[in-house]
């Protein structure tokens, strides 16, 4: 198989990280990969907020009642946002960029996990997106898609078992 296939097969969501910091060179490589992400009509609506401050990561981890606590234990979080005035497909564009971040992190020997923010609630009357927008000073015309937690894994995850893939979801020529 190809190197890319091996990368995809071995990329799993990592929720526990070593306290070790991610090197500046690796952060630079990850953010450059994000900036090369494709976007509809090259509108590039995505932008990225790199967060390493422990207190801010703790506060970001409180954006949802469930599923975001892992951000507190990560040495690096990248908040993926998009200027909604630049593209009607900003969700797709930002999602592709977030995946590029995860694949580049995996290629550098780092683990990552997608933490959904868009369309999630922090508490009644306050969305996770509004909470993060206030926390990081993000203008109102930007949407917050997710946080990608990144760090050196402190857990082992087995690669995907190809024999257990849902091959019935592949259709040829018609449904």
N, C-alpha and C. Protein backbone atom coordinates (compact mmCIF):
# COMPACT_ATOMS: atom_id res chain seq x y z
N UNK A 1 0.83 -1.19 0.00
CA UNK A 1 0.00 0.00 0.00
C UNK A 1 0.87 1.25 0.00
N UNK A 2 0.22 2.38 -0.18
CA UNK A 2 0.96 3.64 -0.25
C UNK A 2 1.19 4.21 1.14
N UNK A 3 2.10 5.14 1.21
CA UNK A 3 2.38 5.83 2.47
C UNK A 3 1.13 6.57 2.96
N UNK A 4 0.39 7.20 2.03
CA UNK A 4 -0.81 7.91 2.42
C UNK A 4 -1.85 6.96 3.01
N UNK A 5 -2.03 5.79 2.40
CA UNK A 5 -2.98 4.82 2.91
C UNK A 5 -2.60 4.40 4.33
N UNK A 6 -1.32 4.17 4.56
CA UNK A 6 -0.86 3.82 5.91
C UNK A 6 -1.14 4.95 6.89
N UNK A 7 -0.95 6.18 6.46
CA UNK A 7 -1.23 7.34 7.30
C UNK A 7 -2.70 7.36 7.71
N UNK A 8 -3.60 7.17 6.75
CA UNK A 8 -5.04 7.17 7.02
C UNK A 8 -5.43 5.98 7.90
N UNK A 9 -4.86 4.83 7.61
CA UNK A 9 -5.19 3.62 8.37
C UNK A 9 -4.79 3.76 9.85
N UNK A 10 -3.71 4.45 10.11
CA UNK A 10 -3.19 4.58 11.47
C UNK A 10 -3.68 5.83 12.21
N UNK A 11 -4.31 6.78 11.50
CA UNK A 11 -4.80 7.98 12.17
C UNK A 11 -6.07 7.65 12.94
N UNK A 12 -5.98 7.75 14.24
CA UNK A 12 -7.12 7.49 15.12
C UNK A 12 -7.26 8.68 16.06
N UNK A 13 -8.45 8.88 16.58
CA UNK A 13 -8.66 9.98 17.52
C UNK A 13 -7.94 9.69 18.83
N UNK A 14 -7.09 10.62 19.21
CA UNK A 14 -6.32 10.51 20.46
C UNK A 14 -6.89 11.52 21.45
N UNK A 15 -7.22 11.03 22.63
CA UNK A 15 -7.83 11.90 23.65
C UNK A 15 -6.95 12.09 24.87
N UNK A 16 -5.82 11.41 24.92
CA UNK A 16 -4.89 11.55 26.04
C UNK A 16 -3.51 11.88 25.47
N UNK A 17 -2.91 12.92 26.04
CA UNK A 17 -1.63 13.40 25.53
C UNK A 17 -0.57 13.47 26.61
N UNK A 18 0.68 13.28 26.19
CA UNK A 18 1.80 13.50 27.10
C UNK A 18 1.89 15.00 27.39
N UNK A 19 2.42 15.39 28.53
CA UNK A 19 2.54 16.82 28.84
C UNK A 19 3.58 17.55 27.99
N UNK A 20 4.31 16.83 27.19
CA UNK A 20 5.36 17.37 26.33
C UNK A 20 4.80 18.37 25.31
N UNK A 21 5.46 19.51 25.18
CA UNK A 21 5.04 20.54 24.22
C UNK A 21 5.31 20.10 22.79
N UNK A 22 4.50 20.60 21.88
CA UNK A 22 4.72 20.37 20.45
C UNK A 22 5.71 21.43 19.97
N UNK A 23 6.75 20.99 19.29
CA UNK A 23 7.81 21.88 18.84
C UNK A 23 7.29 22.91 17.84
N UNK A 24 7.88 24.09 17.89
CA UNK A 24 7.48 25.20 17.01
C UNK A 24 7.56 24.82 15.53
N UNK A 25 8.57 24.03 15.17
CA UNK A 25 8.71 23.63 13.76
C UNK A 25 7.54 22.76 13.31
N UNK A 26 7.05 21.91 14.22
CA UNK A 26 5.91 21.05 13.87
C UNK A 26 4.63 21.88 13.78
N UNK A 27 4.47 22.84 14.66
CA UNK A 27 3.29 23.71 14.60
C UNK A 27 3.30 24.49 13.29
N UNK A 28 4.48 24.98 12.91
CA UNK A 28 4.62 25.71 11.64
C UNK A 28 4.25 24.82 10.46
N UNK A 29 4.69 23.59 10.47
CA UNK A 29 4.38 22.65 9.39
C UNK A 29 2.88 22.37 9.33
N UNK A 30 2.26 22.17 10.47
CA UNK A 30 0.81 21.91 10.53
C UNK A 30 0.03 23.11 10.01
N UNK A 31 0.40 24.31 10.42
CA UNK A 31 -0.35 25.49 9.99
C UNK A 31 -0.12 25.78 8.50
N UNK A 32 1.06 25.51 8.00
CA UNK A 32 1.30 25.67 6.55
C UNK A 32 0.42 24.70 5.77
N UNK A 33 0.33 23.45 6.24
CA UNK A 33 -0.53 22.46 5.57
C UNK A 33 -1.98 22.95 5.56
N UNK A 34 -2.42 23.53 6.68
CA UNK A 34 -3.79 24.05 6.75
C UNK A 34 -4.01 25.15 5.72
N UNK A 35 -3.02 26.02 5.55
CA UNK A 35 -3.14 27.11 4.59
C UNK A 35 -3.13 26.64 3.14
N UNK A 36 -2.68 25.43 2.90
CA UNK A 36 -2.70 24.85 1.55
C UNK A 36 -3.98 24.07 1.28
N UNK A 37 -4.86 24.03 2.25
CA UNK A 37 -6.11 23.30 2.10
C UNK A 37 -6.95 23.87 0.97
N UNK A 38 -7.58 23.02 0.18
CA UNK A 38 -8.41 23.53 -0.90
C UNK A 38 -9.65 24.24 -0.36
N UNK A 39 -10.15 25.17 -1.16
CA UNK A 39 -11.37 25.89 -0.79
C UNK A 39 -12.13 26.24 -2.07
N UNK A 40 -13.43 26.29 -1.97
CA UNK A 40 -14.28 26.60 -3.10
C UNK A 40 -13.89 27.95 -3.71
N UNK A 41 -13.67 27.95 -4.99
CA UNK A 41 -13.31 29.16 -5.74
C UNK A 41 -12.12 29.88 -5.11
N UNK A 42 -11.31 29.15 -4.41
CA UNK A 42 -10.11 29.66 -3.71
C UNK A 42 -10.46 30.84 -2.80
N UNK A 43 -11.66 30.77 -2.21
CA UNK A 43 -12.13 31.84 -1.33
C UNK A 43 -11.40 31.85 0.01
N UNK A 44 -10.86 30.71 0.42
CA UNK A 44 -10.10 30.58 1.67
C UNK A 44 -10.82 31.23 2.86
N UNK A 45 -12.03 30.78 3.16
CA UNK A 45 -12.76 31.39 4.28
C UNK A 45 -12.21 30.98 5.64
N UNK A 46 -11.42 29.90 5.69
CA UNK A 46 -10.91 29.38 6.95
C UNK A 46 -9.80 30.25 7.53
N UNK A 47 -9.75 30.26 8.84
CA UNK A 47 -8.64 30.87 9.58
C UNK A 47 -8.43 30.00 10.80
N UNK A 48 -7.28 30.15 11.44
CA UNK A 48 -6.89 29.22 12.49
C UNK A 48 -6.33 29.97 13.69
N UNK A 49 -6.77 29.61 14.87
CA UNK A 49 -6.25 30.20 16.09
C UNK A 49 -5.47 29.12 16.83
N UNK A 50 -4.17 29.31 16.92
CA UNK A 50 -3.28 28.36 17.58
C UNK A 50 -3.23 28.71 19.06
N UNK A 51 -3.58 27.75 19.91
CA UNK A 51 -3.64 27.98 21.35
C UNK A 51 -2.72 26.99 22.06
N UNK A 52 -1.78 27.53 22.85
CA UNK A 52 -0.89 26.70 23.66
C UNK A 52 -0.97 27.06 25.15
N UNK A 53 -1.56 28.19 25.46
CA UNK A 53 -1.68 28.64 26.84
C UNK A 53 -2.55 27.66 27.62
N UNK A 54 -2.00 27.11 28.71
CA UNK A 54 -2.69 26.08 29.51
C UNK A 54 -4.04 26.57 30.04
N UNK A 55 -4.08 27.81 30.52
CA UNK A 55 -5.34 28.33 31.06
C UNK A 55 -6.38 28.49 29.96
N UNK A 56 -5.97 28.96 28.81
CA UNK A 56 -6.92 29.12 27.71
C UNK A 56 -7.41 27.76 27.22
N UNK A 57 -6.52 26.77 27.17
CA UNK A 57 -6.95 25.43 26.78
C UNK A 57 -7.97 24.87 27.78
N UNK A 58 -7.74 25.14 29.06
CA UNK A 58 -8.70 24.71 30.09
C UNK A 58 -10.06 25.36 29.85
N UNK A 59 -10.04 26.65 29.56
CA UNK A 59 -11.29 27.37 29.33
C UNK A 59 -11.98 26.89 28.05
N UNK A 60 -11.21 26.60 27.02
CA UNK A 60 -11.78 26.05 25.79
C UNK A 60 -12.42 24.69 26.05
N UNK A 61 -11.81 23.93 26.95
CA UNK A 61 -12.33 22.58 27.25
C UNK A 61 -13.72 22.63 27.89
N UNK A 62 -14.13 23.80 28.32
CA UNK A 62 -15.43 23.97 28.96
C UNK A 62 -16.50 24.43 27.98
N UNK A 63 -16.21 24.35 26.67
CA UNK A 63 -17.16 24.86 25.67
C UNK A 63 -18.41 23.99 25.53
N UNK A 64 -18.34 22.77 26.00
CA UNK A 64 -19.48 21.85 25.93
C UNK A 64 -19.52 21.02 27.20
N UNK A 65 -20.70 20.55 27.57
CA UNK A 65 -20.76 19.72 28.78
C UNK A 65 -20.11 18.35 28.58
N UNK A 66 -20.09 17.84 27.36
CA UNK A 66 -19.49 16.54 27.07
C UNK A 66 -18.66 16.62 25.79
N UNK A 67 -17.59 15.85 25.75
CA UNK A 67 -16.82 15.72 24.52
C UNK A 67 -15.72 16.73 24.30
N UNK A 68 -15.57 17.71 25.19
CA UNK A 68 -14.53 18.71 24.98
C UNK A 68 -13.50 18.74 26.10
N UNK A 69 -13.70 17.96 27.15
CA UNK A 69 -12.81 17.99 28.32
C UNK A 69 -11.37 17.63 27.96
N UNK A 70 -11.18 16.84 26.92
CA UNK A 70 -9.83 16.43 26.52
C UNK A 70 -8.95 17.60 26.14
N UNK A 71 -9.54 18.72 25.74
CA UNK A 71 -8.76 19.89 25.34
C UNK A 71 -7.91 20.41 26.50
N UNK A 72 -8.38 20.23 27.72
CA UNK A 72 -7.62 20.68 28.89
C UNK A 72 -6.27 19.98 28.99
N UNK A 73 -6.20 18.73 28.54
CA UNK A 73 -4.97 17.96 28.65
C UNK A 73 -4.10 17.96 27.41
N UNK A 74 -4.45 18.76 26.43
CA UNK A 74 -3.65 18.81 25.21
C UNK A 74 -2.64 19.96 25.27
N UNK A 75 -1.45 19.76 24.73
CA UNK A 75 -0.49 20.87 24.71
C UNK A 75 -0.76 21.90 23.60
N UNK A 76 -1.61 21.53 22.64
CA UNK A 76 -1.87 22.40 21.49
C UNK A 76 -3.30 22.22 21.02
N UNK A 77 -3.98 23.32 20.84
CA UNK A 77 -5.31 23.30 20.24
C UNK A 77 -5.33 24.27 19.08
N UNK A 78 -5.93 23.85 18.00
CA UNK A 78 -6.11 24.76 16.86
C UNK A 78 -7.61 24.92 16.66
N UNK A 79 -8.08 26.14 16.83
CA UNK A 79 -9.49 26.46 16.65
C UNK A 79 -9.67 26.82 15.18
N UNK A 80 -10.55 26.08 14.51
CA UNK A 80 -10.80 26.30 13.08
C UNK A 80 -12.05 27.15 12.96
N UNK A 81 -11.88 28.32 12.34
CA UNK A 81 -12.98 29.26 12.15
C UNK A 81 -13.09 29.57 10.66
N UNK A 82 -14.21 30.19 10.28
CA UNK A 82 -14.38 30.56 8.88
C UNK A 82 -15.18 31.85 8.77
N UNK A 83 -14.78 32.68 7.82
CA UNK A 83 -15.49 33.92 7.50
C UNK A 83 -16.68 33.53 6.64
N UNK A 84 -17.87 33.59 7.23
CA UNK A 84 -19.08 33.14 6.54
C UNK A 84 -19.49 34.06 5.40
N UNK A 85 -18.89 35.25 5.31
CA UNK A 85 -19.22 36.17 4.21
C UNK A 85 -18.43 35.84 2.95
N UNK A 86 -17.42 34.98 3.05
CA UNK A 86 -16.57 34.68 1.90
C UNK A 86 -17.04 33.49 1.07
N UNK A 87 -17.86 32.62 1.67
CA UNK A 87 -18.25 31.42 0.95
C UNK A 87 -19.52 30.83 1.52
N UNK A 88 -20.37 30.30 0.63
CA UNK A 88 -21.57 29.62 1.10
C UNK A 88 -21.28 28.16 1.47
N UNK A 89 -20.08 27.72 1.21
CA UNK A 89 -19.68 26.35 1.58
C UNK A 89 -18.50 26.39 2.57
N UNK A 90 -18.56 27.35 3.48
CA UNK A 90 -17.48 27.49 4.46
C UNK A 90 -17.37 26.26 5.35
N UNK A 91 -18.47 25.59 5.64
CA UNK A 91 -18.41 24.39 6.49
C UNK A 91 -17.55 23.32 5.81
N UNK A 92 -17.78 23.11 4.54
CA UNK A 92 -17.00 22.11 3.80
C UNK A 92 -15.53 22.52 3.74
N UNK A 93 -15.30 23.79 3.40
CA UNK A 93 -13.92 24.27 3.28
C UNK A 93 -13.17 24.15 4.60
N UNK A 94 -13.80 24.57 5.69
CA UNK A 94 -13.16 24.50 7.01
C UNK A 94 -12.97 23.06 7.46
N UNK A 95 -13.91 22.18 7.11
CA UNK A 95 -13.79 20.77 7.47
C UNK A 95 -12.60 20.12 6.77
N UNK A 96 -12.43 20.45 5.51
CA UNK A 96 -11.27 19.92 4.79
C UNK A 96 -9.98 20.41 5.43
N UNK A 97 -9.94 21.68 5.79
CA UNK A 97 -8.75 22.24 6.44
C UNK A 97 -8.47 21.54 7.77
N UNK A 98 -9.53 21.29 8.54
CA UNK A 98 -9.36 20.60 9.83
C UNK A 98 -8.79 19.20 9.63
N UNK A 99 -9.25 18.53 8.59
CA UNK A 99 -8.72 17.19 8.30
C UNK A 99 -7.26 17.27 7.85
N UNK A 100 -6.93 18.30 7.08
CA UNK A 100 -5.52 18.48 6.67
C UNK A 100 -4.64 18.66 7.91
N UNK A 101 -5.13 19.40 8.89
CA UNK A 101 -4.40 19.59 10.14
C UNK A 101 -4.17 18.23 10.81
N UNK A 102 -5.21 17.42 10.88
CA UNK A 102 -5.09 16.12 11.54
C UNK A 102 -4.15 15.18 10.79
N UNK A 103 -4.23 15.17 9.48
CA UNK A 103 -3.34 14.29 8.71
C UNK A 103 -1.88 14.74 8.81
N UNK A 104 -1.65 16.06 8.78
CA UNK A 104 -0.28 16.55 8.91
C UNK A 104 0.26 16.23 10.30
N UNK A 105 -0.56 16.39 11.33
CA UNK A 105 -0.13 16.04 12.69
C UNK A 105 0.25 14.56 12.76
N UNK A 106 -0.58 13.70 12.18
CA UNK A 106 -0.29 12.26 12.18
C UNK A 106 1.04 11.98 11.49
N UNK A 107 1.26 12.63 10.37
CA UNK A 107 2.50 12.43 9.61
C UNK A 107 3.73 12.85 10.42
N UNK A 108 3.54 13.77 11.35
CA UNK A 108 4.65 14.24 12.19
C UNK A 108 4.79 13.45 13.50
N UNK A 109 4.02 12.36 13.62
CA UNK A 109 4.11 11.53 14.82
C UNK A 109 3.28 12.03 15.99
N UNK A 110 2.33 12.91 15.70
CA UNK A 110 1.47 13.47 16.74
C UNK A 110 0.07 12.86 16.65
N UNK A 111 -0.65 12.91 17.74
CA UNK A 111 -2.03 12.49 17.74
C UNK A 111 -2.93 13.70 17.70
N UNK A 112 -4.20 13.48 17.34
CA UNK A 112 -5.15 14.59 17.28
C UNK A 112 -6.57 14.07 17.50
N UNK A 113 -7.45 15.02 17.79
CA UNK A 113 -8.86 14.68 17.91
C UNK A 113 -9.69 15.90 17.51
N UNK A 114 -10.73 15.66 16.75
CA UNK A 114 -11.68 16.69 16.34
C UNK A 114 -12.67 16.88 17.47
N UNK A 115 -12.81 18.11 17.94
CA UNK A 115 -13.80 18.45 18.95
C UNK A 115 -14.82 19.37 18.28
N UNK A 116 -16.00 18.87 18.07
CA UNK A 116 -17.04 19.62 17.37
C UNK A 116 -17.50 20.81 18.21
N UNK A 117 -17.62 21.97 17.57
CA UNK A 117 -18.10 23.18 18.23
C UNK A 117 -19.37 23.67 17.54
N UNK A 118 -19.33 23.76 16.22
CA UNK A 118 -20.46 24.28 15.46
C UNK A 118 -21.72 23.44 15.72
N UNK A 119 -22.81 24.13 16.00
CA UNK A 119 -24.09 23.49 16.21
C UNK A 119 -24.16 22.67 17.51
N UNK A 120 -23.32 23.03 18.49
CA UNK A 120 -23.34 22.38 19.80
C UNK A 120 -23.62 23.43 20.87
N UNK A 121 -24.22 23.00 21.96
CA UNK A 121 -24.55 23.91 23.06
C UNK A 121 -23.59 23.76 24.22
N UNK A 122 -23.27 24.89 24.84
CA UNK A 122 -22.53 24.86 26.10
C UNK A 122 -23.51 24.64 27.23
N UNK A 123 -24.53 25.44 27.20
CA UNK A 123 -25.60 25.36 28.20
C UNK A 123 -26.83 26.03 27.60
N UNK A 124 -27.96 25.90 28.24
CA UNK A 124 -29.17 26.50 27.69
C UNK A 124 -28.97 28.00 27.51
N UNK A 125 -29.22 28.45 26.30
CA UNK A 125 -29.11 29.87 26.00
C UNK A 125 -27.73 30.32 25.53
N UNK A 126 -26.76 29.42 25.52
CA UNK A 126 -25.41 29.77 25.07
C UNK A 126 -24.82 28.61 24.27
N UNK A 127 -24.48 28.88 23.02
CA UNK A 127 -23.87 27.83 22.21
C UNK A 127 -22.37 27.74 22.49
N UNK A 128 -21.80 26.61 22.15
CA UNK A 128 -20.35 26.43 22.28
C UNK A 128 -19.63 27.45 21.41
N UNK A 129 -20.19 27.71 20.25
CA UNK A 129 -19.60 28.67 19.32
C UNK A 129 -19.59 30.08 19.90
N UNK A 130 -20.69 30.51 20.48
CA UNK A 130 -20.75 31.84 21.10
C UNK A 130 -19.75 31.95 22.25
N UNK A 131 -19.66 30.92 23.05
CA UNK A 131 -18.73 30.90 24.17
C UNK A 131 -17.29 31.08 23.68
N UNK A 132 -16.90 30.33 22.67
CA UNK A 132 -15.53 30.42 22.14
C UNK A 132 -15.32 31.76 21.44
N UNK A 133 -16.32 32.23 20.73
CA UNK A 133 -16.20 33.54 20.06
C UNK A 133 -15.89 34.63 21.08
N UNK A 134 -16.60 34.62 22.21
CA UNK A 134 -16.36 35.60 23.28
C UNK A 134 -14.98 35.40 23.90
N UNK A 135 -14.63 34.16 24.16
CA UNK A 135 -13.37 33.83 24.81
C UNK A 135 -12.15 34.30 24.00
N UNK A 136 -12.22 34.12 22.69
CA UNK A 136 -11.07 34.41 21.82
C UNK A 136 -11.21 35.71 21.03
N UNK A 137 -12.29 36.46 21.24
CA UNK A 137 -12.47 37.73 20.54
C UNK A 137 -12.70 37.58 19.05
N UNK A 138 -13.43 36.56 18.66
CA UNK A 138 -13.69 36.28 17.24
C UNK A 138 -14.86 37.14 16.77
N UNK A 139 -14.70 37.86 15.65
CA UNK A 139 -15.79 38.70 15.14
C UNK A 139 -17.04 37.87 14.81
N UNK A 140 -18.20 38.51 14.87
CA UNK A 140 -19.50 37.84 14.70
C UNK A 140 -19.69 37.17 13.35
N UNK A 141 -19.05 37.67 12.28
CA UNK A 141 -19.26 37.07 10.97
C UNK A 141 -18.39 35.84 10.73
N UNK A 142 -17.68 35.41 11.75
CA UNK A 142 -16.91 34.17 11.69
C UNK A 142 -17.67 33.08 12.43
N UNK A 143 -17.68 31.90 11.86
CA UNK A 143 -18.24 30.73 12.53
C UNK A 143 -17.09 29.92 13.11
N UNK A 144 -17.35 29.26 14.22
CA UNK A 144 -16.35 28.39 14.86
C UNK A 144 -16.77 26.95 14.54
N UNK A 145 -15.96 26.27 13.74
CA UNK A 145 -16.28 24.89 13.36
C UNK A 145 -15.91 23.89 14.44
N UNK A 146 -14.64 23.93 14.85
CA UNK A 146 -14.16 22.92 15.79
C UNK A 146 -12.85 23.35 16.43
N UNK A 147 -12.40 22.50 17.33
CA UNK A 147 -11.06 22.60 17.90
C UNK A 147 -10.38 21.29 17.56
N UNK A 148 -9.16 21.37 17.05
CA UNK A 148 -8.38 20.16 16.84
C UNK A 148 -7.34 20.11 17.96
N UNK A 149 -7.46 19.11 18.83
CA UNK A 149 -6.45 18.93 19.88
C UNK A 149 -5.29 18.16 19.26
N UNK A 150 -4.07 18.55 19.63
CA UNK A 150 -2.87 17.95 19.03
C UNK A 150 -1.81 17.78 20.10
N UNK A 151 -1.14 16.64 20.08
CA UNK A 151 -0.04 16.41 21.00
C UNK A 151 0.56 15.04 20.82
N UNK A 152 1.56 14.77 21.65
CA UNK A 152 2.17 13.44 21.62
C UNK A 152 1.23 12.48 22.35
N UNK A 153 0.83 11.40 21.69
CA UNK A 153 -0.14 10.48 22.30
C UNK A 153 0.35 9.87 23.61
N UNK A 154 -0.59 9.77 24.54
CA UNK A 154 -0.34 9.07 25.80
C UNK A 154 -1.31 7.90 25.92
N UNK A 155 -1.69 7.38 24.77
CA UNK A 155 -2.53 6.18 24.67
C UNK A 155 -2.23 5.54 23.32
N UNK A 156 -2.46 4.24 23.24
CA UNK A 156 -2.25 3.54 21.98
C UNK A 156 -3.58 3.16 21.38
N UNK A 157 -3.72 3.40 20.11
CA UNK A 157 -4.92 3.01 19.38
C UNK A 157 -4.48 2.13 18.23
N UNK A 158 -5.14 1.03 18.05
CA UNK A 158 -4.80 0.11 16.96
C UNK A 158 -5.24 0.71 15.62
N UNK A 159 -4.51 0.40 14.56
CA UNK A 159 -4.93 0.85 13.23
C UNK A 159 -6.30 0.24 12.89
N UNK A 160 -6.95 0.81 11.93
CA UNK A 160 -8.22 0.24 11.47
C UNK A 160 -7.99 -1.19 11.00
N UNK A 161 -8.91 -2.06 11.30
CA UNK A 161 -8.89 -3.45 10.83
C UNK A 161 -9.62 -3.47 9.49
N UNK A 162 -8.88 -3.64 8.42
CA UNK A 162 -9.48 -3.58 7.09
C UNK A 162 -10.55 -4.64 6.88
N UNK A 163 -10.44 -5.77 7.55
CA UNK A 163 -11.45 -6.82 7.42
C UNK A 163 -12.80 -6.39 8.01
N UNK A 164 -12.78 -5.40 8.91
CA UNK A 164 -14.01 -4.95 9.55
C UNK A 164 -14.58 -3.67 8.95
N UNK A 165 -14.01 -3.19 7.88
CA UNK A 165 -14.53 -1.98 7.24
C UNK A 165 -15.92 -2.26 6.66
N UNK A 166 -16.81 -1.29 6.66
CA UNK A 166 -18.18 -1.50 6.15
C UNK A 166 -18.23 -1.43 4.62
N UNK A 167 -17.70 -2.45 3.99
CA UNK A 167 -17.61 -2.48 2.53
C UNK A 167 -18.98 -2.38 1.86
N UNK A 168 -20.06 -2.73 2.59
CA UNK A 168 -21.40 -2.64 2.02
C UNK A 168 -21.79 -1.19 1.73
N UNK A 169 -21.02 -0.24 2.20
CA UNK A 169 -21.31 1.16 1.95
C UNK A 169 -20.70 1.65 0.63
N UNK A 170 -19.97 0.78 -0.03
CA UNK A 170 -19.41 1.11 -1.34
C UNK A 170 -20.37 0.60 -2.41
N UNK A 171 -20.80 1.50 -3.28
CA UNK A 171 -21.72 1.15 -4.36
C UNK A 171 -21.01 1.38 -5.68
N UNK A 172 -21.27 0.55 -6.64
CA UNK A 172 -20.63 0.66 -7.95
C UNK A 172 -21.68 0.92 -9.03
N UNK A 173 -21.47 1.98 -9.74
CA UNK A 173 -22.30 2.38 -10.88
C UNK A 173 -23.69 2.89 -10.50
N UNK A 174 -24.29 2.37 -9.43
CA UNK A 174 -25.58 2.88 -8.95
C UNK A 174 -25.75 2.41 -7.51
N UNK A 175 -26.79 2.92 -6.83
CA UNK A 175 -27.02 2.54 -5.44
C UNK A 175 -27.39 1.08 -5.38
